[in-house]
Amino acid sequence: MRVLLIEDDHVLGAAIRDHVASAGHGVDWMKRLDEARLALDAVGYELVLLDLNLPDGRGLDLLRRLRAAGNGVPVIIVTAQDQVAVRIEGLNSGADDYLVKPFDLSEMSARVVAVARRYAGNPNPATVIGDVSIDLARKAAKVGGESLTLTAREWAVLERLLRNRGALVSKRDLEDSLYAFGAEVESNAVEVYVSRLRKKLGRDFIQTSRGLGYQIAP
């Protein structure tokens, strides 16, 4: 999943970025609204973590512009403002969730997964395909009842494919899930992770359409 973090606090921002990245997601961290707007124009993000008070304006103004333009990217507000009126304003402006600082990073991760799951049209985090069972929320996978160990990057690729189950996901889209701006992308990284997943989940679990992308059958 590609995540945009908009936060001007250097300590908290670094902690959030590192925590989300540790789950295998690509995270772009912007500290100003003007930077965030450019990033949103360039990348199709799957989730935005949005502070309300930025050096060059209010996060809510950015959120309202996104929704007015028809951009439905999931947005979770992260702010120190805990007044009920501000929470209501944020949710009415189009936010999907609201976290008050300070918050536990594990709780944030759980909310990120829950919001992303709702947008994927599947409120149930568990998926069963043949003898493979996968729980994205708990990062648990089994084949024939035997538990598997997947790396963070393998989970990121698997999650992107499952959210688009039945549809082709291009190599570029999978790379976007894994890497933030400026990260060095190895040319065969996606192929490596798909190969590893096939070895663990089954050779036919992920299908390849040469030159087009990858998919998990519906």
N, C-alpha and C. Protein backbone atom coordinates (compact mmCIF):
# COMPACT_ATOMS: atom_id res chain seq x y z
N MET A 1 0.85 -1.19 0.00
CA MET A 1 0.00 0.00 0.00
C MET A 1 0.89 1.24 0.00
N ARG A 2 0.54 2.24 -0.79
CA ARG A 2 1.29 3.50 -0.84
C ARG A 2 0.55 4.50 0.05
N VAL A 3 1.26 5.04 1.02
CA VAL A 3 0.66 5.92 2.03
C VAL A 3 1.31 7.30 1.95
N LEU A 4 0.50 8.34 2.04
CA LEU A 4 1.00 9.72 2.13
C LEU A 4 0.81 10.20 3.56
N LEU A 5 1.91 10.54 4.20
CA LEU A 5 1.89 11.10 5.56
C LEU A 5 2.11 12.60 5.46
N ILE A 6 1.19 13.38 6.01
CA ILE A 6 1.30 14.85 6.01
C ILE A 6 1.38 15.28 7.47
N GLU A 7 2.57 15.58 7.93
CA GLU A 7 2.83 15.84 9.35
C GLU A 7 4.09 16.69 9.48
N ASP A 8 4.02 17.82 10.21
CA ASP A 8 5.17 18.70 10.32
C ASP A 8 6.00 18.46 11.58
N ASP A 9 5.53 17.61 12.48
CA ASP A 9 6.30 17.28 13.68
C ASP A 9 7.35 16.23 13.29
N HIS A 10 8.62 16.60 13.43
CA HIS A 10 9.69 15.73 12.94
C HIS A 10 9.79 14.42 13.73
N VAL A 11 9.62 14.50 15.03
CA VAL A 11 9.74 13.29 15.85
C VAL A 11 8.59 12.33 15.59
N LEU A 12 7.36 12.85 15.67
CA LEU A 12 6.19 12.01 15.44
C LEU A 12 6.15 11.52 14.00
N GLY A 13 6.45 12.41 13.07
CA GLY A 13 6.42 12.02 11.67
C GLY A 13 7.37 10.88 11.37
N ALA A 14 8.58 10.96 11.93
CA ALA A 14 9.56 9.88 11.71
C ALA A 14 9.07 8.57 12.31
N ALA A 15 8.45 8.65 13.49
CA ALA A 15 7.95 7.44 14.15
C ALA A 15 6.83 6.79 13.33
N ILE A 16 5.90 7.61 12.83
CA ILE A 16 4.81 7.08 12.02
C ILE A 16 5.34 6.50 10.72
N ARG A 17 6.21 7.25 10.06
CA ARG A 17 6.78 6.76 8.79
C ARG A 17 7.47 5.41 8.97
N ASP A 18 8.31 5.32 9.98
CA ASP A 18 9.06 4.08 10.19
C ASP A 18 8.13 2.93 10.55
N HIS A 19 7.08 3.22 11.34
CA HIS A 19 6.16 2.16 11.76
C HIS A 19 5.37 1.63 10.57
N VAL A 20 4.86 2.53 9.74
CA VAL A 20 4.09 2.11 8.57
C VAL A 20 5.00 1.40 7.57
N ALA A 21 6.21 1.93 7.38
CA ALA A 21 7.15 1.30 6.45
C ALA A 21 7.57 -0.09 6.91
N SER A 22 7.61 -0.30 8.23
CA SER A 22 8.02 -1.61 8.76
C SER A 22 7.03 -2.70 8.39
N ALA A 23 5.80 -2.30 8.03
CA ALA A 23 4.80 -3.27 7.59
C ALA A 23 4.91 -3.54 6.09
N GLY A 24 5.92 -2.94 5.45
CA GLY A 24 6.16 -3.21 4.04
C GLY A 24 5.55 -2.20 3.09
N HIS A 25 4.92 -1.15 3.62
CA HIS A 25 4.26 -0.17 2.76
C HIS A 25 5.23 0.93 2.32
N GLY A 26 4.94 1.52 1.16
CA GLY A 26 5.69 2.69 0.73
C GLY A 26 5.09 3.92 1.39
N VAL A 27 5.92 4.75 2.01
CA VAL A 27 5.44 5.93 2.72
C VAL A 27 6.16 7.17 2.22
N ASP A 28 5.39 8.16 1.76
CA ASP A 28 5.94 9.46 1.41
C ASP A 28 5.54 10.44 2.49
N TRP A 29 6.53 11.12 3.07
CA TRP A 29 6.29 12.03 4.20
C TRP A 29 6.46 13.46 3.72
N MET A 30 5.37 14.22 3.79
CA MET A 30 5.39 15.64 3.44
C MET A 30 5.08 16.47 4.68
N LYS A 31 5.80 17.58 4.82
CA LYS A 31 5.66 18.42 6.01
C LYS A 31 4.88 19.71 5.75
N ARG A 32 4.48 19.92 4.51
CA ARG A 32 3.73 21.12 4.13
C ARG A 32 2.60 20.72 3.18
N LEU A 33 1.56 21.56 3.14
CA LEU A 33 0.43 21.28 2.27
C LEU A 33 0.79 21.41 0.80
N ASP A 34 1.64 22.38 0.45
CA ASP A 34 2.00 22.54 -0.96
C ASP A 34 2.74 21.31 -1.47
N GLU A 35 3.61 20.74 -0.63
CA GLU A 35 4.30 19.50 -1.01
C GLU A 35 3.31 18.35 -1.15
N ALA A 36 2.34 18.31 -0.23
CA ALA A 36 1.35 17.23 -0.26
C ALA A 36 0.50 17.29 -1.52
N ARG A 37 0.13 18.50 -1.93
CA ARG A 37 -0.69 18.63 -3.14
C ARG A 37 0.06 18.11 -4.36
N LEU A 38 1.34 18.44 -4.47
CA LEU A 38 2.15 17.95 -5.59
C LEU A 38 2.23 16.43 -5.57
N ALA A 39 2.41 15.86 -4.37
CA ALA A 39 2.50 14.41 -4.25
C ALA A 39 1.19 13.74 -4.66
N LEU A 40 0.07 14.32 -4.23
CA LEU A 40 -1.24 13.76 -4.56
C LEU A 40 -1.52 13.83 -6.07
N ASP A 41 -0.98 14.85 -6.73
CA ASP A 41 -1.16 14.96 -8.17
C ASP A 41 -0.32 13.93 -8.92
N ALA A 42 0.77 13.49 -8.29
CA ALA A 42 1.72 12.61 -8.98
C ALA A 42 1.49 11.13 -8.71
N VAL A 43 0.89 10.80 -7.56
CA VAL A 43 0.80 9.40 -7.13
C VAL A 43 -0.63 9.05 -6.76
N GLY A 44 -1.05 7.85 -7.10
CA GLY A 44 -2.37 7.37 -6.69
C GLY A 44 -2.27 6.68 -5.34
N TYR A 45 -2.36 7.46 -4.27
CA TYR A 45 -2.21 6.91 -2.93
C TYR A 45 -3.43 6.07 -2.54
N GLU A 46 -3.17 5.12 -1.65
CA GLU A 46 -4.25 4.27 -1.15
C GLU A 46 -4.70 4.70 0.24
N LEU A 47 -3.94 5.60 0.87
CA LEU A 47 -4.34 6.11 2.18
C LEU A 47 -3.53 7.35 2.51
N VAL A 48 -4.18 8.32 3.20
CA VAL A 48 -3.51 9.55 3.62
C VAL A 48 -3.65 9.69 5.13
N LEU A 49 -2.54 9.97 5.81
CA LEU A 49 -2.53 10.30 7.23
C LEU A 49 -2.31 11.80 7.31
N LEU A 50 -3.30 12.54 7.81
CA LEU A 50 -3.33 14.00 7.67
C LEU A 50 -3.37 14.73 9.00
N ASP A 51 -2.36 15.55 9.26
CA ASP A 51 -2.37 16.46 10.40
C ASP A 51 -3.24 17.66 10.02
N LEU A 52 -3.79 18.33 11.02
CA LEU A 52 -4.68 19.46 10.74
C LEU A 52 -3.97 20.79 10.69
N ASN A 53 -2.93 20.96 11.49
CA ASN A 53 -2.22 22.24 11.54
C ASN A 53 -0.86 22.11 10.88
N LEU A 54 -0.73 22.65 9.68
CA LEU A 54 0.52 22.62 8.94
C LEU A 54 1.07 24.03 8.82
N PRO A 55 2.37 24.19 8.54
CA PRO A 55 2.96 25.53 8.47
C PRO A 55 2.31 26.45 7.45
N ASP A 56 1.76 25.88 6.38
CA ASP A 56 1.19 26.72 5.32
C ASP A 56 -0.32 26.57 5.18
N GLY A 57 -1.00 26.11 6.24
CA GLY A 57 -2.46 26.07 6.16
C GLY A 57 -3.07 24.95 6.99
N ARG A 58 -4.37 24.74 6.77
CA ARG A 58 -5.13 23.75 7.51
C ARG A 58 -5.30 22.48 6.70
N GLY A 59 -5.10 21.37 7.36
CA GLY A 59 -5.28 20.10 6.70
C GLY A 59 -6.70 19.89 6.20
N LEU A 60 -7.67 20.45 6.91
CA LEU A 60 -9.06 20.28 6.51
C LEU A 60 -9.34 20.93 5.16
N ASP A 61 -8.64 22.02 4.86
CA ASP A 61 -8.83 22.66 3.55
C ASP A 61 -8.38 21.72 2.43
N LEU A 62 -7.27 21.03 2.64
CA LEU A 62 -6.81 20.05 1.66
C LEU A 62 -7.82 18.92 1.52
N LEU A 63 -8.33 18.43 2.64
CA LEU A 63 -9.31 17.35 2.63
C LEU A 63 -10.56 17.76 1.86
N ARG A 64 -11.05 18.97 2.10
CA ARG A 64 -12.26 19.43 1.40
C ARG A 64 -12.01 19.54 -0.11
N ARG A 65 -10.82 19.99 -0.48
CA ARG A 65 -10.52 20.10 -1.92
C ARG A 65 -10.47 18.72 -2.57
N LEU A 66 -9.90 17.76 -1.85
CA LEU A 66 -9.86 16.40 -2.38
C LEU A 66 -11.27 15.87 -2.65
N ARG A 67 -12.13 16.01 -1.65
CA ARG A 67 -13.49 15.48 -1.80
C ARG A 67 -14.28 16.26 -2.85
N ALA A 68 -14.08 17.57 -2.93
CA ALA A 68 -14.79 18.36 -3.93
C ALA A 68 -14.36 17.96 -5.34
N ALA A 69 -13.10 17.52 -5.48
CA ALA A 69 -12.60 17.10 -6.79
C ALA A 69 -12.95 15.66 -7.10
N GLY A 70 -13.66 14.99 -6.19
CA GLY A 70 -14.05 13.61 -6.41
C GLY A 70 -13.00 12.59 -6.05
N ASN A 71 -11.96 13.02 -5.34
CA ASN A 71 -10.90 12.10 -4.92
C ASN A 71 -11.35 11.39 -3.64
N GLY A 72 -11.54 10.09 -3.73
CA GLY A 72 -12.06 9.34 -2.59
C GLY A 72 -11.01 8.61 -1.79
N VAL A 73 -9.73 9.00 -1.92
CA VAL A 73 -8.67 8.32 -1.18
C VAL A 73 -9.00 8.32 0.32
N PRO A 74 -8.85 7.20 1.01
CA PRO A 74 -9.12 7.16 2.45
C PRO A 74 -8.20 8.12 3.20
N VAL A 75 -8.78 8.86 4.14
CA VAL A 75 -8.02 9.84 4.92
C VAL A 75 -8.27 9.61 6.41
N ILE A 76 -7.18 9.46 7.15
CA ILE A 76 -7.26 9.39 8.61
C ILE A 76 -6.60 10.64 9.16
N ILE A 77 -7.34 11.42 9.94
CA ILE A 77 -6.81 12.62 10.56
C ILE A 77 -6.01 12.24 11.80
N VAL A 78 -4.82 12.79 11.93
CA VAL A 78 -4.00 12.60 13.13
C VAL A 78 -3.67 13.99 13.68
N THR A 79 -4.19 14.31 14.85
CA THR A 79 -4.07 15.67 15.35
C THR A 79 -4.11 15.71 16.88
N ALA A 80 -3.61 16.81 17.43
CA ALA A 80 -3.68 17.01 18.87
C ALA A 80 -5.00 17.64 19.28
N GLN A 81 -5.79 18.06 18.32
CA GLN A 81 -7.07 18.72 18.61
C GLN A 81 -8.11 17.66 18.96
N ASP A 82 -8.51 17.64 20.21
CA ASP A 82 -9.44 16.60 20.66
C ASP A 82 -10.84 17.13 20.94
N GLN A 83 -11.11 18.39 20.58
CA GLN A 83 -12.45 18.92 20.80
C GLN A 83 -13.47 18.20 19.93
N VAL A 84 -14.64 17.93 20.50
CA VAL A 84 -15.68 17.22 19.77
C VAL A 84 -16.06 17.96 18.49
N ALA A 85 -16.15 19.29 18.58
CA ALA A 85 -16.54 20.09 17.40
C ALA A 85 -15.55 19.91 16.26
N VAL A 86 -14.27 19.82 16.59
CA VAL A 86 -13.25 19.65 15.54
C VAL A 86 -13.35 18.25 14.94
N ARG A 87 -13.60 17.26 15.78
CA ARG A 87 -13.77 15.89 15.26
C ARG A 87 -14.94 15.83 14.30
N ILE A 88 -16.04 16.43 14.70
CA ILE A 88 -17.23 16.42 13.83
C ILE A 88 -16.94 17.14 12.52
N GLU A 89 -16.23 18.27 12.59
CA GLU A 89 -15.88 19.01 11.38
C GLU A 89 -15.02 18.16 10.46
N GLY A 90 -14.07 17.44 11.05
CA GLY A 90 -13.20 16.60 10.24
C GLY A 90 -13.95 15.48 9.55
N LEU A 91 -14.80 14.80 10.28
CA LEU A 91 -15.57 13.70 9.71
C LEU A 91 -16.57 14.20 8.67
N ASN A 92 -17.19 15.35 8.94
CA ASN A 92 -18.12 15.92 7.98
C ASN A 92 -17.42 16.43 6.73
N SER A 93 -16.13 16.70 6.84
CA SER A 93 -15.37 17.17 5.68
C SER A 93 -14.91 16.02 4.80
N GLY A 94 -15.11 14.79 5.27
CA GLY A 94 -14.78 13.64 4.45
C GLY A 94 -13.73 12.72 5.00
N ALA A 95 -13.29 12.95 6.26
CA ALA A 95 -12.32 12.03 6.86
C ALA A 95 -12.98 10.69 7.16
N ASP A 96 -12.18 9.64 7.12
CA ASP A 96 -12.68 8.29 7.37
C ASP A 96 -12.44 7.85 8.81
N ASP A 97 -11.51 8.48 9.47
CA ASP A 97 -11.22 8.16 10.87
C ASP A 97 -10.47 9.33 11.48
N TYR A 98 -10.33 9.32 12.81
CA TYR A 98 -9.77 10.48 13.52
C TYR A 98 -8.98 9.96 14.72
N LEU A 99 -7.67 10.24 14.74
CA LEU A 99 -6.81 9.83 15.84
C LEU A 99 -6.29 11.05 16.57
N VAL A 100 -6.40 11.04 17.88
CA VAL A 100 -5.94 12.16 18.69
C VAL A 100 -4.56 11.86 19.26
N LYS A 101 -3.62 12.77 19.07
CA LYS A 101 -2.27 12.64 19.64
C LYS A 101 -2.31 12.89 21.14
N PRO A 102 -1.49 12.19 21.90
CA PRO A 102 -0.63 11.07 21.48
C PRO A 102 -1.46 9.80 21.32
N PHE A 103 -1.04 8.94 20.43
CA PHE A 103 -1.75 7.68 20.21
C PHE A 103 -0.75 6.55 20.09
N ASP A 104 -1.23 5.35 20.31
CA ASP A 104 -0.38 4.16 20.20
C ASP A 104 -0.22 3.80 18.72
N LEU A 105 1.01 3.56 18.29
CA LEU A 105 1.26 3.27 16.89
C LEU A 105 0.59 1.97 16.44
N SER A 106 0.43 1.04 17.37
CA SER A 106 -0.25 -0.21 17.02
C SER A 106 -1.73 0.04 16.74
N GLU A 107 -2.33 0.95 17.52
CA GLU A 107 -3.72 1.31 17.25
C GLU A 107 -3.84 1.98 15.89
N MET A 108 -2.90 2.86 15.58
CA MET A 108 -2.90 3.52 14.28
C MET A 108 -2.84 2.49 13.15
N SER A 109 -1.96 1.49 13.30
CA SER A 109 -1.84 0.45 12.28
C SER A 109 -3.16 -0.30 12.10
N ALA A 110 -3.82 -0.60 13.21
CA ALA A 110 -5.10 -1.32 13.14
C ALA A 110 -6.15 -0.48 12.41
N ARG A 111 -6.15 0.82 12.66
CA ARG A 111 -7.12 1.69 11.98
C ARG A 111 -6.80 1.83 10.50
N VAL A 112 -5.52 1.89 10.17
CA VAL A 112 -5.11 1.95 8.76
C VAL A 112 -5.62 0.72 8.02
N VAL A 113 -5.42 -0.45 8.60
CA VAL A 113 -5.87 -1.69 7.97
C VAL A 113 -7.39 -1.71 7.83
N ALA A 114 -8.08 -1.27 8.89
CA ALA A 114 -9.55 -1.30 8.87
C ALA A 114 -10.11 -0.37 7.81
N VAL A 115 -9.57 0.85 7.71
CA VAL A 115 -10.05 1.81 6.72
C VAL A 115 -9.76 1.31 5.31
N ALA A 116 -8.55 0.82 5.09
CA ALA A 116 -8.19 0.30 3.76
C ALA A 116 -9.08 -0.88 3.38
N ARG A 117 -9.40 -1.70 4.36
CA ARG A 117 -10.24 -2.88 4.09
C ARG A 117 -11.65 -2.45 3.66
N ARG A 118 -12.18 -1.44 4.32
CA ARG A 118 -13.52 -0.96 3.96
C ARG A 118 -13.53 -0.43 2.53
N TYR A 119 -12.48 0.28 2.16
CA TYR A 119 -12.43 0.84 0.81
C TYR A 119 -12.26 -0.24 -0.24
N ALA A 120 -11.68 -1.36 0.14
CA ALA A 120 -11.52 -2.46 -0.80
C ALA A 120 -12.84 -3.22 -0.99
N GLY A 121 -13.86 -2.84 -0.24
CA GLY A 121 -15.16 -3.48 -0.38
C GLY A 121 -15.27 -4.80 0.33
N ASN A 122 -14.33 -5.06 1.25
CA ASN A 122 -14.36 -6.33 1.97
C ASN A 122 -14.13 -6.06 3.45
N PRO A 123 -15.20 -5.92 4.24
CA PRO A 123 -15.03 -5.65 5.66
C PRO A 123 -14.46 -6.81 6.44
N ASN A 124 -14.44 -8.00 5.82
CA ASN A 124 -13.90 -9.18 6.49
C ASN A 124 -12.42 -9.31 6.13
N PRO A 125 -11.52 -9.24 7.12
CA PRO A 125 -10.08 -9.31 6.81
C PRO A 125 -9.61 -10.69 6.43
N ALA A 126 -10.45 -11.72 6.62
CA ALA A 126 -10.03 -13.10 6.34
C ALA A 126 -10.43 -13.52 4.93
N THR A 127 -9.52 -14.18 4.24
CA THR A 127 -9.76 -14.67 2.88
C THR A 127 -9.35 -16.14 2.82
N VAL A 128 -10.20 -16.96 2.22
CA VAL A 128 -9.88 -18.38 2.04
C VAL A 128 -9.95 -18.69 0.55
N ILE A 129 -8.85 -19.18 0.01
CA ILE A 129 -8.78 -19.58 -1.40
C ILE A 129 -8.19 -20.98 -1.43
N GLY A 130 -9.01 -21.97 -1.74
CA GLY A 130 -8.55 -23.35 -1.70
C GLY A 130 -8.11 -23.71 -0.30
N ASP A 131 -6.88 -24.20 -0.16
CA ASP A 131 -6.39 -24.56 1.17
C ASP A 131 -5.55 -23.45 1.79
N VAL A 132 -5.62 -22.25 1.17
CA VAL A 132 -4.88 -21.09 1.69
C VAL A 132 -5.84 -20.17 2.44
N SER A 133 -5.50 -19.83 3.67
CA SER A 133 -6.29 -18.87 4.43
C SER A 133 -5.38 -17.71 4.83
N ILE A 134 -5.90 -16.48 4.65
CA ILE A 134 -5.10 -15.28 4.89
C ILE A 134 -5.92 -14.30 5.70
N ASP A 135 -5.32 -13.77 6.75
CA ASP A 135 -5.94 -12.74 7.57
C ASP A 135 -5.03 -11.52 7.52
N LEU A 136 -5.43 -10.52 6.72
CA LEU A 136 -4.59 -9.34 6.54
C LEU A 136 -4.46 -8.52 7.81
N ALA A 137 -5.52 -8.48 8.61
CA ALA A 137 -5.48 -7.68 9.83
C ALA A 137 -4.45 -8.22 10.82
N ARG A 138 -4.40 -9.53 10.94
CA ARG A 138 -3.49 -10.15 11.90
C ARG A 138 -2.16 -10.57 11.27
N LYS A 139 -2.02 -10.34 9.96
CA LYS A 139 -0.83 -10.76 9.23
C LYS A 139 -0.56 -12.26 9.49
N ALA A 140 -1.61 -13.04 9.24
CA ALA A 140 -1.52 -14.49 9.46
C ALA A 140 -1.89 -15.21 8.18
N ALA A 141 -1.08 -16.18 7.79
CA ALA A 141 -1.35 -16.98 6.60
C ALA A 141 -1.11 -18.45 6.90
N LYS A 142 -1.98 -19.29 6.34
CA LYS A 142 -1.85 -20.74 6.52
C LYS A 142 -2.10 -21.43 5.19
N VAL A 143 -1.41 -22.53 5.00
CA VAL A 143 -1.65 -23.41 3.86
C VAL A 143 -1.89 -24.81 4.41
N GLY A 144 -3.07 -25.34 4.16
CA GLY A 144 -3.42 -26.65 4.70
C GLY A 144 -3.36 -26.70 6.22
N GLY A 145 -3.66 -25.58 6.85
CA GLY A 145 -3.66 -25.50 8.31
C GLY A 145 -2.30 -25.21 8.92
N GLU A 146 -1.25 -25.20 8.10
CA GLU A 146 0.09 -24.93 8.60
C GLU A 146 0.42 -23.45 8.44
N SER A 147 0.88 -22.83 9.52
CA SER A 147 1.19 -21.40 9.49
C SER A 147 2.42 -21.11 8.65
N LEU A 148 2.36 -19.96 7.96
CA LEU A 148 3.47 -19.51 7.13
C LEU A 148 4.06 -18.23 7.71
N THR A 149 5.32 -17.99 7.38
CA THR A 149 5.96 -16.73 7.74
C THR A 149 6.23 -15.95 6.47
N LEU A 150 5.65 -14.74 6.39
CA LEU A 150 5.86 -13.86 5.24
C LEU A 150 6.60 -12.61 5.70
N THR A 151 7.47 -12.10 4.84
CA THR A 151 8.16 -10.85 5.17
C THR A 151 7.22 -9.67 4.97
N ALA A 152 7.62 -8.49 5.47
CA ALA A 152 6.79 -7.30 5.33
C ALA A 152 6.54 -6.97 3.87
N ARG A 153 7.55 -7.08 3.03
CA ARG A 153 7.39 -6.78 1.61
C ARG A 153 6.48 -7.81 0.93
N GLU A 154 6.59 -9.06 1.32
CA GLU A 154 5.70 -10.08 0.76
C GLU A 154 4.25 -9.80 1.15
N TRP A 155 4.03 -9.37 2.38
CA TRP A 155 2.68 -9.00 2.81
C TRP A 155 2.15 -7.82 1.99
N ALA A 156 3.02 -6.84 1.72
CA ALA A 156 2.59 -5.66 0.97
C ALA A 156 2.14 -6.04 -0.44
N VAL A 157 2.89 -6.92 -1.10
CA VAL A 157 2.51 -7.37 -2.44
C VAL A 157 1.22 -8.18 -2.38
N LEU A 158 1.13 -9.09 -1.43
CA LEU A 158 -0.05 -9.93 -1.30
C LEU A 158 -1.29 -9.09 -1.00
N GLU A 159 -1.14 -8.11 -0.13
CA GLU A 159 -2.26 -7.24 0.23
C GLU A 159 -2.78 -6.48 -0.99
N ARG A 160 -1.87 -5.94 -1.80
CA ARG A 160 -2.29 -5.19 -2.99
C ARG A 160 -3.05 -6.10 -3.96
N LEU A 161 -2.57 -7.32 -4.14
CA LEU A 161 -3.23 -8.25 -5.04
C LEU A 161 -4.60 -8.68 -4.52
N LEU A 162 -4.69 -8.93 -3.22
CA LEU A 162 -5.97 -9.35 -2.64
C LEU A 162 -7.01 -8.24 -2.69
N ARG A 163 -6.57 -7.01 -2.51
CA ARG A 163 -7.52 -5.89 -2.57
C ARG A 163 -8.07 -5.70 -3.98
N ASN A 164 -7.33 -6.19 -4.96
CA ASN A 164 -7.77 -6.08 -6.36
C ASN A 164 -8.03 -7.46 -6.94
N ARG A 165 -8.52 -8.35 -6.10
CA ARG A 165 -8.69 -9.74 -6.50
C ARG A 165 -9.56 -9.85 -7.75
N GLY A 166 -9.05 -10.61 -8.72
CA GLY A 166 -9.77 -10.78 -9.97
C GLY A 166 -9.37 -9.78 -11.04
N ALA A 167 -8.66 -8.72 -10.64
CA ALA A 167 -8.22 -7.70 -11.59
C ALA A 167 -6.70 -7.76 -11.73
N LEU A 168 -6.21 -7.35 -12.88
CA LEU A 168 -4.78 -7.31 -13.10
C LEU A 168 -4.16 -6.12 -12.36
N VAL A 169 -3.06 -6.36 -11.70
CA VAL A 169 -2.29 -5.31 -11.02
C VAL A 169 -0.94 -5.24 -11.72
N SER A 170 -0.62 -4.06 -12.24
CA SER A 170 0.61 -3.93 -13.01
C SER A 170 1.84 -3.97 -12.11
N LYS A 171 2.98 -4.25 -12.72
CA LYS A 171 4.24 -4.25 -11.99
C LYS A 171 4.48 -2.88 -11.36
N ARG A 172 4.16 -1.82 -12.09
CA ARG A 172 4.35 -0.46 -11.58
C ARG A 172 3.51 -0.22 -10.33
N ASP A 173 2.26 -0.69 -10.35
CA ASP A 173 1.39 -0.51 -9.17
C ASP A 173 1.95 -1.25 -7.96
N LEU A 174 2.49 -2.43 -8.19
CA LEU A 174 3.07 -3.18 -7.08
C LEU A 174 4.32 -2.49 -6.56
N GLU A 175 5.12 -1.93 -7.45
CA GLU A 175 6.29 -1.16 -7.02
C GLU A 175 5.87 0.04 -6.19
N ASP A 176 4.78 0.71 -6.59
CA ASP A 176 4.29 1.87 -5.84
C ASP A 176 3.90 1.49 -4.43
N SER A 177 3.44 0.25 -4.25
CA SER A 177 3.06 -0.20 -2.91
C SER A 177 4.28 -0.39 -2.01
N LEU A 178 5.42 -0.63 -2.63
CA LEU A 178 6.61 -1.02 -1.88
C LEU A 178 7.58 0.13 -1.61
N TYR A 179 7.61 1.10 -2.50
CA TYR A 179 8.68 2.09 -2.44
C TYR A 179 8.15 3.51 -2.33
N ALA A 180 8.82 4.32 -1.51
CA ALA A 180 8.50 5.73 -1.37
C ALA A 180 9.31 6.53 -2.38
N PHE A 181 9.02 7.85 -2.46
CA PHE A 181 9.79 8.73 -3.34
C PHE A 181 11.28 8.62 -3.01
N GLY A 182 12.09 8.55 -4.04
CA GLY A 182 13.53 8.57 -3.83
C GLY A 182 14.14 7.22 -3.52
N ALA A 183 13.33 6.21 -3.27
CA ALA A 183 13.87 4.89 -2.95
C ALA A 183 14.36 4.23 -4.24
N GLU A 184 15.44 3.50 -4.12
CA GLU A 184 15.99 2.81 -5.28
C GLU A 184 15.19 1.54 -5.53
N VAL A 185 14.61 1.45 -6.71
CA VAL A 185 13.76 0.31 -7.07
C VAL A 185 14.56 -0.67 -7.91
N GLU A 186 14.72 -1.88 -7.40
CA GLU A 186 15.41 -2.92 -8.17
C GLU A 186 14.48 -3.40 -9.28
N SER A 187 15.02 -3.57 -10.46
CA SER A 187 14.21 -3.86 -11.64
C SER A 187 13.41 -5.15 -11.51
N ASN A 188 13.93 -6.12 -10.76
CA ASN A 188 13.25 -7.41 -10.67
C ASN A 188 12.63 -7.64 -9.29
N ALA A 189 12.45 -6.57 -8.51
CA ALA A 189 11.96 -6.73 -7.14
C ALA A 189 10.58 -7.40 -7.10
N VAL A 190 9.66 -6.93 -7.94
CA VAL A 190 8.31 -7.49 -7.94
C VAL A 190 8.35 -8.97 -8.30
N GLU A 191 9.11 -9.32 -9.33
CA GLU A 191 9.21 -10.72 -9.73
C GLU A 191 9.75 -11.59 -8.60
N VAL A 192 10.70 -11.05 -7.85
CA VAL A 192 11.28 -11.80 -6.72
C VAL A 192 10.22 -12.08 -5.66
N TYR A 193 9.46 -11.05 -5.29
CA TYR A 193 8.46 -11.23 -4.24
C TYR A 193 7.32 -12.13 -4.69
N VAL A 194 6.90 -12.00 -5.95
CA VAL A 194 5.85 -12.87 -6.48
C VAL A 194 6.34 -14.33 -6.48
N SER A 195 7.59 -14.54 -6.87
CA SER A 195 8.15 -15.89 -6.87
C SER A 195 8.17 -16.48 -5.46
N ARG A 196 8.55 -15.67 -4.49
CA ARG A 196 8.58 -16.16 -3.11
C ARG A 196 7.19 -16.50 -2.61
N LEU A 197 6.21 -15.67 -2.98
CA LEU A 197 4.84 -15.94 -2.55
C LEU A 197 4.31 -17.23 -3.18
N ARG A 198 4.65 -17.46 -4.43
CA ARG A 198 4.21 -18.70 -5.08
C ARG A 198 4.80 -19.92 -4.41
N LYS A 199 6.05 -19.82 -4.00
CA LYS A 199 6.68 -20.96 -3.33
C LYS A 199 5.99 -21.26 -2.01
N LYS A 200 5.49 -20.23 -1.35
CA LYS A 200 4.86 -20.41 -0.05
C LYS A 200 3.37 -20.72 -0.14
N LEU A 201 2.68 -20.10 -1.10
CA LEU A 201 1.22 -20.22 -1.17
C LEU A 201 0.75 -21.17 -2.26
N GLY A 202 1.62 -21.54 -3.16
CA GLY A 202 1.24 -22.42 -4.26
C GLY A 202 1.58 -21.80 -5.60
N ARG A 203 2.03 -22.61 -6.53
CA ARG A 203 2.51 -22.11 -7.82
C ARG A 203 1.44 -21.34 -8.59
N ASP A 204 0.18 -21.77 -8.46
CA ASP A 204 -0.89 -21.15 -9.24
C ASP A 204 -1.68 -20.10 -8.45
N PHE A 205 -1.22 -19.77 -7.25
CA PHE A 205 -1.98 -18.82 -6.43
C PHE A 205 -2.00 -17.43 -7.08
N ILE A 206 -0.87 -17.01 -7.63
CA ILE A 206 -0.78 -15.73 -8.32
C ILE A 206 -0.57 -16.01 -9.80
N GLN A 207 -1.43 -15.45 -10.63
CA GLN A 207 -1.37 -15.67 -12.06
C GLN A 207 -0.69 -14.48 -12.74
N THR A 208 0.05 -14.76 -13.81
CA THR A 208 0.76 -13.74 -14.56
C THR A 208 0.17 -13.58 -15.95
N SER A 209 -0.11 -12.34 -16.33
CA SER A 209 -0.45 -12.02 -17.71
C SER A 209 0.75 -11.26 -18.26
N ARG A 210 1.54 -11.92 -19.06
CA ARG A 210 2.82 -11.37 -19.49
C ARG A 210 2.66 -9.99 -20.12
N GLY A 211 3.43 -9.06 -19.60
CA GLY A 211 3.41 -7.69 -20.11
C GLY A 211 2.30 -6.84 -19.53
N LEU A 212 1.37 -7.46 -18.79
CA LEU A 212 0.22 -6.72 -18.25
C LEU A 212 0.24 -6.63 -16.73
N GLY A 213 0.53 -7.75 -16.06
CA GLY A 213 0.56 -7.69 -14.62
C GLY A 213 0.23 -9.02 -13.98
N TYR A 214 -0.20 -8.94 -12.73
CA TYR A 214 -0.45 -10.13 -11.91
C TYR A 214 -1.85 -10.04 -11.31
N GLN A 215 -2.40 -11.23 -10.98
CA GLN A 215 -3.70 -11.23 -10.34
C GLN A 215 -3.90 -12.51 -9.53
N ILE A 216 -4.78 -12.40 -8.56
CA ILE A 216 -5.28 -13.56 -7.82
C ILE A 216 -6.69 -13.81 -8.35
N ALA A 217 -6.95 -15.02 -8.77
CA ALA A 217 -8.23 -15.33 -9.41
C ALA A 217 -9.41 -15.01 -8.49
N PRO A 218 -10.53 -14.52 -9.06
CA PRO A 218 -11.72 -14.22 -8.24
C PRO A 218 -12.35 -15.48 -7.71
